[in-house]
Amino acid sequence: MKIVRLPELQARFQDADLEPVGSTPLAFAAFVCNELARYAREVKETGMEAS
C-alpha cells in the first residue's frame, strides 16, 4: 500500500491521531466485529440512548 506512505497522507493521519495498519480483509472484519461488540457493551452498561 504505497499510497499510505505518501508524506501528505502521513501528515493527515498524524493530525487525526490515526495509525494505518495493513492487514487482510478477514482480520479487518474480525476487528470491526470486536469493536462493535465492545461499544455495544459500553452503550448497554452506561444506558446511553440516541437522541
N, C-alpha and C. Protein backbone atom coordinates (compact mmCIF):
# COMPACT_ATOMS: atom_id res chain seq x y z
N MET A 1 0.83 -1.16 0.00
CA MET A 1 0.00 0.00 0.00
C MET A 1 0.88 1.24 0.00
N LYS A 2 1.38 1.55 -1.16
CA LYS A 2 2.28 2.69 -1.29
C LYS A 2 1.63 4.02 -0.94
N ILE A 3 0.35 4.11 -1.19
CA ILE A 3 -0.32 5.40 -1.00
C ILE A 3 -0.27 5.87 0.45
N VAL A 4 -0.35 4.96 1.40
CA VAL A 4 -0.33 5.38 2.81
C VAL A 4 1.04 5.88 3.24
N ARG A 5 2.04 5.66 2.42
CA ARG A 5 3.38 6.16 2.73
C ARG A 5 3.63 7.57 2.21
N LEU A 6 2.69 8.12 1.46
CA LEU A 6 2.86 9.47 0.93
C LEU A 6 2.93 10.47 2.09
N PRO A 7 3.87 11.40 2.04
CA PRO A 7 4.01 12.37 3.13
C PRO A 7 2.73 13.15 3.43
N GLU A 8 1.96 13.48 2.39
CA GLU A 8 0.72 14.22 2.61
C GLU A 8 -0.27 13.41 3.45
N LEU A 9 -0.37 12.13 3.14
CA LEU A 9 -1.29 11.27 3.89
C LEU A 9 -0.75 11.00 5.30
N GLN A 10 0.54 10.82 5.41
CA GLN A 10 1.13 10.60 6.74
C GLN A 10 0.82 11.78 7.65
N ALA A 11 0.91 12.99 7.12
CA ALA A 11 0.62 14.19 7.91
C ALA A 11 -0.85 14.21 8.32
N ARG A 12 -1.74 13.85 7.41
CA ARG A 12 -3.17 13.83 7.73
C ARG A 12 -3.49 12.78 8.78
N PHE A 13 -2.87 11.61 8.66
CA PHE A 13 -3.06 10.56 9.66
C PHE A 13 -2.60 11.05 11.03
N GLN A 14 -1.44 11.65 11.05
CA GLN A 14 -0.88 12.14 12.31
C GLN A 14 -1.78 13.22 12.91
N ASP A 15 -2.28 14.12 12.09
CA ASP A 15 -3.18 15.18 12.58
C ASP A 15 -4.45 14.61 13.19
N ALA A 16 -4.90 13.48 12.68
CA ALA A 16 -6.13 12.86 13.17
C ALA A 16 -5.85 11.78 14.22
N ASP A 17 -4.60 11.65 14.65
CA ASP A 17 -4.20 10.61 15.61
C ASP A 17 -4.56 9.21 15.12
N LEU A 18 -4.34 8.98 13.82
CA LEU A 18 -4.61 7.68 13.22
C LEU A 18 -3.30 6.99 12.88
N GLU A 19 -3.33 5.68 12.96
CA GLU A 19 -2.16 4.88 12.58
C GLU A 19 -2.62 3.81 11.60
N PRO A 20 -2.28 3.97 10.31
CA PRO A 20 -2.72 2.97 9.34
C PRO A 20 -2.05 1.62 9.60
N VAL A 21 -2.85 0.57 9.47
CA VAL A 21 -2.35 -0.78 9.70
C VAL A 21 -2.75 -1.64 8.52
N GLY A 22 -1.81 -2.32 7.94
CA GLY A 22 -2.11 -3.22 6.83
C GLY A 22 -2.50 -4.58 7.38
N SER A 23 -3.56 -5.15 6.84
CA SER A 23 -3.98 -6.48 7.25
C SER A 23 -4.82 -7.09 6.15
N THR A 24 -5.39 -8.22 6.45
CA THR A 24 -6.24 -8.90 5.47
C THR A 24 -7.69 -8.48 5.66
N PRO A 25 -8.52 -8.67 4.65
CA PRO A 25 -9.94 -8.37 4.83
C PRO A 25 -10.56 -9.16 5.99
N LEU A 26 -10.15 -10.39 6.18
CA LEU A 26 -10.67 -11.21 7.26
C LEU A 26 -10.27 -10.63 8.63
N ALA A 27 -9.01 -10.20 8.75
CA ALA A 27 -8.55 -9.60 10.01
C ALA A 27 -9.28 -8.29 10.28
N PHE A 28 -9.53 -7.51 9.24
CA PHE A 28 -10.25 -6.26 9.42
C PHE A 28 -11.70 -6.53 9.85
N ALA A 29 -12.33 -7.54 9.26
CA ALA A 29 -13.70 -7.90 9.63
C ALA A 29 -13.75 -8.32 11.10
N ALA A 30 -12.78 -9.08 11.55
CA ALA A 30 -12.73 -9.50 12.95
C ALA A 30 -12.56 -8.29 13.86
N PHE A 31 -11.71 -7.36 13.46
CA PHE A 31 -11.51 -6.14 14.25
C PHE A 31 -12.81 -5.36 14.38
N VAL A 32 -13.52 -5.19 13.26
CA VAL A 32 -14.78 -4.44 13.28
C VAL A 32 -15.79 -5.14 14.18
N CYS A 33 -15.91 -6.45 14.08
CA CYS A 33 -16.85 -7.19 14.92
C CYS A 33 -16.52 -7.01 16.40
N ASN A 34 -15.24 -7.08 16.73
CA ASN A 34 -14.82 -6.89 18.13
C ASN A 34 -15.13 -5.49 18.62
N GLU A 35 -14.89 -4.50 17.78
CA GLU A 35 -15.17 -3.12 18.17
C GLU A 35 -16.67 -2.89 18.36
N LEU A 36 -17.48 -3.45 17.46
CA LEU A 36 -18.93 -3.30 17.60
C LEU A 36 -19.42 -3.92 18.91
N ALA A 37 -18.90 -5.10 19.24
CA ALA A 37 -19.29 -5.76 20.49
C ALA A 37 -18.85 -4.93 21.68
N ARG A 38 -17.65 -4.38 21.61
CA ARG A 38 -17.13 -3.56 22.70
C ARG A 38 -18.00 -2.33 22.94
N TYR A 39 -18.33 -1.63 21.87
CA TYR A 39 -19.14 -0.43 22.01
C TYR A 39 -20.58 -0.75 22.39
N ALA A 40 -21.09 -1.87 21.95
CA ALA A 40 -22.44 -2.28 22.34
C ALA A 40 -22.50 -2.50 23.85
N ARG A 41 -21.46 -3.13 24.41
CA ARG A 41 -21.40 -3.32 25.86
C ARG A 41 -21.35 -1.99 26.58
N GLU A 42 -20.52 -1.07 26.07
CA GLU A 42 -20.40 0.24 26.70
C GLU A 42 -21.73 0.98 26.71
N VAL A 43 -22.43 0.93 25.59
CA VAL A 43 -23.73 1.61 25.50
C VAL A 43 -24.73 0.99 26.47
N LYS A 44 -24.75 -0.33 26.51
CA LYS A 44 -25.68 -1.02 27.39
C LYS A 44 -25.36 -0.73 28.87
N GLU A 45 -24.08 -0.79 29.23
CA GLU A 45 -23.67 -0.57 30.63
C GLU A 45 -23.92 0.85 31.10
N THR A 46 -23.78 1.81 30.20
CA THR A 46 -23.96 3.20 30.61
C THR A 46 -25.38 3.69 30.42
N GLY A 47 -26.20 2.92 29.71
CA GLY A 47 -27.58 3.33 29.48
C GLY A 47 -27.72 4.45 28.46
N MET A 48 -26.69 4.63 27.63
CA MET A 48 -26.76 5.67 26.61
C MET A 48 -27.91 5.41 25.64
N GLU A 49 -28.48 6.51 25.15
CA GLU A 49 -29.56 6.42 24.16
C GLU A 49 -29.34 7.46 23.08
N ALA A 50 -29.78 7.13 21.88
CA ALA A 50 -29.70 8.09 20.79
C ALA A 50 -30.78 9.14 20.99
N SER A 51 -30.44 10.37 20.67
CA SER A 51 -31.45 11.42 20.83
C SER A 51 -31.76 12.05 19.49
